[in-house]
Amino acid sequence: MAQLMRTDDTFQYAKAGKQLLLVLEALPGNPGGGGGEGVHASMGDAMMACLSVMESKYTFAWARAPLDMCIKELINPFKRKHFGPLQPKVIYRMCSHL
């Protein structure tokens, strides 16, 4: 997805952003939701790469909404816990956009 986001095509960027949002929405977001095994390290790295690309494009008005929607999903601490050791990086990225 990160490769798809490295574009100036607003539709392709929005589509890739929506795919990342769907992945984040699929993470259990409640305390008893199960699935506590966390995100596999390579998937966590891939999501962090996507967030990095999205941050780099944040200066463009058309690129803000997808990142803002992903950040809204990551506000939930039960979703962030799935990132395990990457959680501090997720919190840093999240706080820099709030």
C-alpha atoms as a PDB file:
ATOM      1  CA  MET A   1       0.000   0.000   0.000  1.00  0.00           C
ATOM      2  CA  ALA A   2       2.870   2.369   0.748  1.00  0.00           C
ATOM      3  CA  GLN A   3       3.946   2.135  -2.901  1.00  0.00           C
ATOM      4  CA  LEU A   4       0.433   3.050  -4.035  1.00  0.00           C
ATOM      5  CA  MET A   5       0.516   6.091  -1.772  1.00  0.00           C
ATOM      6  CA  ARG A   6       3.677   7.442  -3.381  1.00  0.00           C
ATOM      7  CA  THR A   7       1.696   9.148  -6.090  1.00  0.00           C
ATOM      8  CA  ASP A   8       0.169  12.464  -6.992  1.00  0.00           C
ATOM      9  CA  ASP A   9      -2.956  10.739  -8.276  1.00  0.00           C
ATOM     10  CA  THR A  10      -5.550  11.692  -5.680  1.00  0.00           C
ATOM     11  CA  PHE A  11      -7.849   8.764  -6.466  1.00  0.00           C
ATOM     12  CA  GLN A  12      -5.093   6.141  -6.180  1.00  0.00           C
ATOM     13  CA  TYR A  13      -3.880   7.740  -2.948  1.00  0.00           C
ATOM     14  CA  ALA A  14      -7.387   7.794  -1.469  1.00  0.00           C
ATOM     15  CA  LYS A  15      -7.938   4.154  -2.438  1.00  0.00           C
ATOM     16  CA  ALA A  16      -4.699   3.072  -0.730  1.00  0.00           C
ATOM     17  CA  GLY A  17      -5.593   5.166   2.312  1.00  0.00           C
ATOM     18  CA  LYS A  18      -8.985   3.471   2.491  1.00  0.00           C
ATOM     19  CA  GLN A  19      -7.308   0.046   2.364  1.00  0.00           C
ATOM     20  CA  LEU A  20      -5.113   0.981   5.332  1.00  0.00           C
ATOM     21  CA  LEU A  21      -8.148   2.312   7.184  1.00  0.00           C
ATOM     22  CA  LEU A  22      -9.976  -0.977   6.619  1.00  0.00           C
ATOM     23  CA  VAL A  23      -7.030  -2.889   8.072  1.00  0.00           C
ATOM     24  CA  LEU A  24      -7.006  -0.632  11.136  1.00  0.00           C
ATOM     25  CA  GLU A  25     -10.766  -0.922  11.547  1.00  0.00           C
ATOM     26  CA  ALA A  26     -10.471  -4.717  11.478  1.00  0.00           C
ATOM     27  CA  LEU A  27      -8.277  -4.722  14.584  1.00  0.00           C
ATOM     28  CA  PRO A  28     -10.296  -5.539  17.702  1.00  0.00           C
ATOM     29  CA  GLY A  29     -11.021  -2.300  19.502  1.00  0.00           C
ATOM     30  CA  ASN A  30     -12.532  -3.359  22.796  1.00  0.00           C
ATOM     31  CA  PRO A  31     -11.005  -4.908  25.915  1.00  0.00           C
ATOM     32  CA  GLY A  32     -12.731  -8.272  25.499  1.00  0.00           C
ATOM     33  CA  GLY A  33     -12.544  -8.372  21.723  1.00  0.00           C
ATOM     34  CA  GLY A  34     -10.057 -11.205  21.475  1.00  0.00           C
ATOM     35  CA  GLY A  35      -7.337 -11.184  18.885  1.00  0.00           C
ATOM     36  CA  GLY A  36      -4.865  -9.968  21.493  1.00  0.00           C
ATOM     37  CA  GLU A  37      -1.954 -11.682  19.785  1.00  0.00           C
ATOM     38  CA  GLY A  38      -1.083  -8.408  18.079  1.00  0.00           C
ATOM     39  CA  VAL A  39      -0.057  -7.394  14.627  1.00  0.00           C
ATOM     40  CA  HIS A  40       2.711  -9.437  13.036  1.00  0.00           C
ATOM     41  CA  ALA A  41       5.960  -7.446  13.035  1.00  0.00           C
ATOM     42  CA  SER A  42       6.154  -7.237   9.242  1.00  0.00           C
ATOM     43  CA  MET A  43       2.547  -6.036   9.010  1.00  0.00           C
ATOM     44  CA  GLY A  44       3.230  -3.450  11.706  1.00  0.00           C
ATOM     45  CA  ASP A  45       6.267  -2.245   9.765  1.00  0.00           C
ATOM     46  CA  ALA A  46       4.178  -2.040   6.596  1.00  0.00           C
ATOM     47  CA  MET A  47       1.511   0.013   8.358  1.00  0.00           C
ATOM     48  CA  MET A  48       4.180   2.320   9.775  1.00  0.00           C
ATOM     49  CA  ALA A  49       5.593   2.772   6.261  1.00  0.00           C
ATOM     50  CA  CYS A  50       2.126   3.739   5.044  1.00  0.00           C
ATOM     51  CA  LEU A  51       1.721   6.236   7.865  1.00  0.00           C
ATOM     52  CA  SER A  52       5.140   7.721   7.020  1.00  0.00           C
ATOM     53  CA  VAL A  53       4.173   8.220   3.383  1.00  0.00           C
ATOM     54  CA  MET A  54       0.856   9.720   4.437  1.00  0.00           C
ATOM     55  CA  GLU A  55       2.672  12.134   6.760  1.00  0.00           C
ATOM     56  CA  SER A  56       4.978  13.225   3.960  1.00  0.00           C
ATOM     57  CA  LYS A  57       1.976  14.148   1.816  1.00  0.00           C
ATOM     58  CA  TYR A  58       0.063  15.889   4.622  1.00  0.00           C
ATOM     59  CA  THR A  59       0.887  19.320   3.196  1.00  0.00           C
ATOM     60  CA  PHE A  60      -1.496  18.647   0.314  1.00  0.00           C
ATOM     61  CA  ALA A  61      -5.163  19.273   1.109  1.00  0.00           C
ATOM     62  CA  TRP A  62      -6.275  16.141  -0.771  1.00  0.00           C
ATOM     63  CA  ALA A  63      -3.945  13.966   1.314  1.00  0.00           C
ATOM     64  CA  ARG A  64      -5.105  15.021   4.777  1.00  0.00           C
ATOM     65  CA  ALA A  65      -8.407  13.162   5.092  1.00  0.00           C
ATOM     66  CA  PRO A  66      -7.037   9.590   4.759  1.00  0.00           C
ATOM     67  CA  LEU A  67      -4.377  10.172   7.430  1.00  0.00           C
ATOM     68  CA  ASP A  68      -6.860  11.926   9.713  1.00  0.00           C
ATOM     69  CA  MET A  69      -9.239   8.952   9.463  1.00  0.00           C
ATOM     70  CA  CYS A  70      -6.445   6.498  10.282  1.00  0.00           C
ATOM     71  CA  ILE A  71      -5.375   8.603  13.259  1.00  0.00           C
ATOM     72  CA  LYS A  72      -8.975   8.596  14.526  1.00  0.00           C
ATOM     73  CA  GLU A  73      -8.845   4.789  14.529  1.00  0.00           C
ATOM     74  CA  LEU A  74      -5.535   4.782  16.392  1.00  0.00           C
ATOM     75  CA  ILE A  75      -6.897   7.016  19.172  1.00  0.00           C
ATOM     76  CA  ASN A  76      -8.457   3.868  20.616  1.00  0.00           C
ATOM     77  CA  PRO A  77      -5.793   2.440  23.000  1.00  0.00           C
ATOM     78  CA  PHE A  78      -7.062  -1.105  22.445  1.00  0.00           C
ATOM     79  CA  LYS A  79      -6.255  -0.791  18.736  1.00  0.00           C
ATOM     80  CA  ARG A  80      -2.811   0.672  19.417  1.00  0.00           C
ATOM     81  CA  LYS A  81      -1.911  -2.218  21.740  1.00  0.00           C
ATOM     82  CA  HIS A  82      -1.874  -4.569  18.758  1.00  0.00           C
ATOM     83  CA  PHE A  83       1.304  -2.872  17.521  1.00  0.00           C
ATOM     84  CA  GLY A  84       3.341  -4.251  20.432  1.00  0.00           C
ATOM     85  CA  PRO A  85       6.879  -2.792  20.387  1.00  0.00           C
ATOM     86  CA  LEU A  86       5.893  -0.354  17.618  1.00  0.00           C
ATOM     87  CA  GLN A  87       3.269   1.250  19.853  1.00  0.00           C
ATOM     88  CA  PRO A  88       5.507   4.210  20.920  1.00  0.00           C
ATOM     89  CA  LYS A  89       6.088   5.068  17.250  1.00  0.00           C
ATOM     90  CA  VAL A  90       2.350   4.891  16.559  1.00  0.00           C
ATOM     91  CA  ILE A  91       1.637   7.161  19.527  1.00  0.00           C
ATOM     92  CA  TYR A  92       4.298   9.636  18.375  1.00  0.00           C
ATOM     93  CA  ARG A  93       2.801   9.812  14.877  1.00  0.00           C
ATOM     94  CA  MET A  94      -0.694  10.083  16.300  1.00  0.00           C
ATOM     95  CA  CYS A  95       0.218  12.887  18.709  1.00  0.00           C
ATOM     96  CA  SER A  96       1.995  14.885  16.031  1.00  0.00           C
ATOM     97  CA  HIS A  97      -1.307  15.175  14.131  1.00  0.00           C
ATOM     98  CA  LEU A  98      -3.730  15.871  16.958  1.00  0.00           C
END
